[in-house]
Amino acid sequence: MLIPKPGVKERRPLSIPAVRDRVVQAALKIVLEPVFEADFLPCSFGFRPKRSAHDALQVLIDEAWKGKRWVVETDIGWSWGERTSLLRLGPGRDRSRC
């Protein structure tokens, strides 16, 4: 099934994963999430369980009250290419042997 893309006349495919695929994805998440979660720093909030944008904002507010006034804004949209995928897969190879 093709659905229209916003703002253009092109269409994109709409795919809904089968129940079996969703069960496998959920099982992998249950197994792999604790393994990799142990490697993340406490100051990392993106796509992590029980961490939200509101939590990140609260850290900024707390740091501001402590007198820290520097905030760095960055755009990492360029980094979602092949190079980043290889970096993410690199460390995972050691963990996938368990």
C-alpha atoms as a PDB file:
ATOM      1  CA  MET A   1       0.000   0.000   0.000  1.00  0.00           C
ATOM      2  CA  LEU A   2       1.355   3.432  -0.940  1.00  0.00           C
ATOM      3  CA  ILE A   3       0.565   6.579   1.036  1.00  0.00           C
ATOM      4  CA  PRO A   4       1.260  10.198   0.008  1.00  0.00           C
ATOM      5  CA  LYS A   5       4.313  12.008   1.357  1.00  0.00           C
ATOM      6  CA  PRO A   6       3.579  15.395   2.942  1.00  0.00           C
ATOM      7  CA  GLY A   7       4.376  18.347   0.699  1.00  0.00           C
ATOM      8  CA  VAL A   8       5.261  16.341  -2.430  1.00  0.00           C
ATOM      9  CA  LYS A   9       3.396  14.287  -4.977  1.00  0.00           C
ATOM     10  CA  GLU A  10       5.481  11.169  -4.313  1.00  0.00           C
ATOM     11  CA  ARG A  11       4.140   8.204  -2.398  1.00  0.00           C
ATOM     12  CA  ARG A  12       5.912   5.917   0.050  1.00  0.00           C
ATOM     13  CA  PRO A  13       5.177   2.322   1.001  1.00  0.00           C
ATOM     14  CA  LEU A  14       3.335   1.685   4.249  1.00  0.00           C
ATOM     15  CA  SER A  15       4.447  -1.493   5.940  1.00  0.00           C
ATOM     16  CA  ILE A  16       3.062  -2.955   9.128  1.00  0.00           C
ATOM     17  CA  PRO A  17       5.221  -5.658  10.736  1.00  0.00           C
ATOM     18  CA  ALA A  18       3.667  -9.058  11.219  1.00  0.00           C
ATOM     19  CA  VAL A  19       2.860 -10.164  14.766  1.00  0.00           C
ATOM     20  CA  ARG A  20       5.686 -12.708  14.626  1.00  0.00           C
ATOM     21  CA  ASP A  21       8.195  -9.969  13.724  1.00  0.00           C
ATOM     22  CA  ARG A  22       6.957  -7.747  16.541  1.00  0.00           C
ATOM     23  CA  VAL A  23       7.315 -10.603  19.052  1.00  0.00           C
ATOM     24  CA  VAL A  24      10.907 -11.225  17.931  1.00  0.00           C
ATOM     25  CA  GLN A  25      11.703  -7.495  18.138  1.00  0.00           C
ATOM     26  CA  ALA A  26      10.277  -7.274  21.660  1.00  0.00           C
ATOM     27  CA  ALA A  27      12.228 -10.353  22.784  1.00  0.00           C
ATOM     28  CA  LEU A  28      15.478  -8.949  21.396  1.00  0.00           C
ATOM     29  CA  LYS A  29      14.809  -5.635  23.128  1.00  0.00           C
ATOM     30  CA  ILE A  30      14.313  -7.386  26.468  1.00  0.00           C
ATOM     31  CA  VAL A  31      17.610  -9.256  26.075  1.00  0.00           C
ATOM     32  CA  LEU A  32      19.819  -6.581  24.505  1.00  0.00           C
ATOM     33  CA  GLU A  33      18.638  -3.407  26.219  1.00  0.00           C
ATOM     34  CA  PRO A  34      20.176  -4.144  29.659  1.00  0.00           C
ATOM     35  CA  VAL A  35      23.463  -5.197  28.054  1.00  0.00           C
ATOM     36  CA  PHE A  36      23.924  -1.947  26.152  1.00  0.00           C
ATOM     37  CA  GLU A  37      22.255   0.277  28.740  1.00  0.00           C
ATOM     38  CA  ALA A  38      25.164  -0.450  31.092  1.00  0.00           C
ATOM     39  CA  ASP A  39      27.546   1.280  28.644  1.00  0.00           C
ATOM     40  CA  PHE A  40      25.636   4.573  28.346  1.00  0.00           C
ATOM     41  CA  LEU A  41      26.540   7.620  30.396  1.00  0.00           C
ATOM     42  CA  PRO A  42      24.019   9.069  32.861  1.00  0.00           C
ATOM     43  CA  CYS A  43      24.022  12.317  30.835  1.00  0.00           C
ATOM     44  CA  SER A  44      22.695  10.532  27.735  1.00  0.00           C
ATOM     45  CA  PHE A  45      18.927  10.808  27.242  1.00  0.00           C
ATOM     46  CA  GLY A  46      18.170   9.973  23.604  1.00  0.00           C
ATOM     47  CA  PHE A  47      16.089   6.849  22.942  1.00  0.00           C
ATOM     48  CA  ARG A  48      16.666   5.391  26.399  1.00  0.00           C
ATOM     49  CA  PRO A  49      14.137   3.735  28.685  1.00  0.00           C
ATOM     50  CA  LYS A  50      12.682   5.909  31.442  1.00  0.00           C
ATOM     51  CA  ARG A  51      14.478   9.002  30.102  1.00  0.00           C
ATOM     52  CA  SER A  52      12.748  11.799  28.255  1.00  0.00           C
ATOM     53  CA  ALA A  53      13.324  15.276  26.894  1.00  0.00           C
ATOM     54  CA  HIS A  54      11.804  16.578  30.138  1.00  0.00           C
ATOM     55  CA  ASP A  55      14.490  14.739  32.124  1.00  0.00           C
ATOM     56  CA  ALA A  56      17.210  16.317  29.972  1.00  0.00           C
ATOM     57  CA  LEU A  57      15.646  19.751  30.459  1.00  0.00           C
ATOM     58  CA  GLN A  58      15.549  19.226  34.225  1.00  0.00           C
ATOM     59  CA  VAL A  59      19.291  18.481  34.214  1.00  0.00           C
ATOM     60  CA  LEU A  60      19.893  21.767  32.374  1.00  0.00           C
ATOM     61  CA  ILE A  61      17.781  23.650  34.913  1.00  0.00           C
ATOM     62  CA  ASP A  62      19.587  22.004  37.838  1.00  0.00           C
ATOM     63  CA  GLU A  63      22.994  22.832  36.349  1.00  0.00           C
ATOM     64  CA  ALA A  64      21.932  26.443  35.749  1.00  0.00           C
ATOM     65  CA  TRP A  65      20.958  26.783  39.416  1.00  0.00           C
ATOM     66  CA  LYS A  66      24.449  25.524  40.311  1.00  0.00           C
ATOM     67  CA  GLY A  67      25.932  28.423  38.347  1.00  0.00           C
ATOM     68  CA  LYS A  68      26.805  26.624  35.131  1.00  0.00           C
ATOM     69  CA  ARG A  69      25.692  28.777  32.216  1.00  0.00           C
ATOM     70  CA  TRP A  70      27.043  27.051  29.096  1.00  0.00           C
ATOM     71  CA  VAL A  71      24.686  25.214  26.758  1.00  0.00           C
ATOM     72  CA  VAL A  72      25.928  23.729  23.497  1.00  0.00           C
ATOM     73  CA  GLU A  73      23.497  23.190  20.657  1.00  0.00           C
ATOM     74  CA  THR A  74      24.446  20.802  17.863  1.00  0.00           C
ATOM     75  CA  ASP A  75      22.873  19.087  14.895  1.00  0.00           C
ATOM     76  CA  ILE A  76      23.947  15.505  14.405  1.00  0.00           C
ATOM     77  CA  GLY A  77      21.552  14.828  11.537  1.00  0.00           C
ATOM     78  CA  TRP A  78      24.505  14.381   9.175  1.00  0.00           C
ATOM     79  CA  SER A  79      25.840  11.499  11.264  1.00  0.00           C
ATOM     80  CA  TRP A  80      23.042   9.014  10.543  1.00  0.00           C
ATOM     81  CA  GLY A  81      24.832   7.687   7.474  1.00  0.00           C
ATOM     82  CA  GLU A  82      26.805   4.554   6.825  1.00  0.00           C
ATOM     83  CA  ARG A  83      29.771   5.626   8.953  1.00  0.00           C
ATOM     84  CA  THR A  84      27.663   5.915  12.117  1.00  0.00           C
ATOM     85  CA  SER A  85      26.058   2.547  11.444  1.00  0.00           C
ATOM     86  CA  LEU A  86      29.479   0.944  11.288  1.00  0.00           C
ATOM     87  CA  LEU A  87      30.523   2.624  14.536  1.00  0.00           C
ATOM     88  CA  ARG A  88      27.390   1.393  16.265  1.00  0.00           C
ATOM     89  CA  LEU A  89      27.898  -2.126  14.995  1.00  0.00           C
ATOM     90  CA  GLY A  90      31.605  -2.228  15.854  1.00  0.00           C
ATOM     91  CA  PRO A  91      31.370  -2.402  19.673  1.00  0.00           C
ATOM     92  CA  GLY A  92      28.297  -4.613  19.441  1.00  0.00           C
ATOM     93  CA  ARG A  93      30.241  -7.411  17.821  1.00  0.00           C
ATOM     94  CA  ASP A  94      32.027  -8.221  21.067  1.00  0.00           C
ATOM     95  CA  ARG A  95      28.773  -8.303  23.013  1.00  0.00           C
ATOM     96  CA  SER A  96      26.916 -10.416  20.473  1.00  0.00           C
ATOM     97  CA  ARG A  97      29.122 -13.438  21.218  1.00  0.00           C
ATOM     98  CA  CYS A  98      27.579 -14.022  24.655  1.00  0.00           C
END
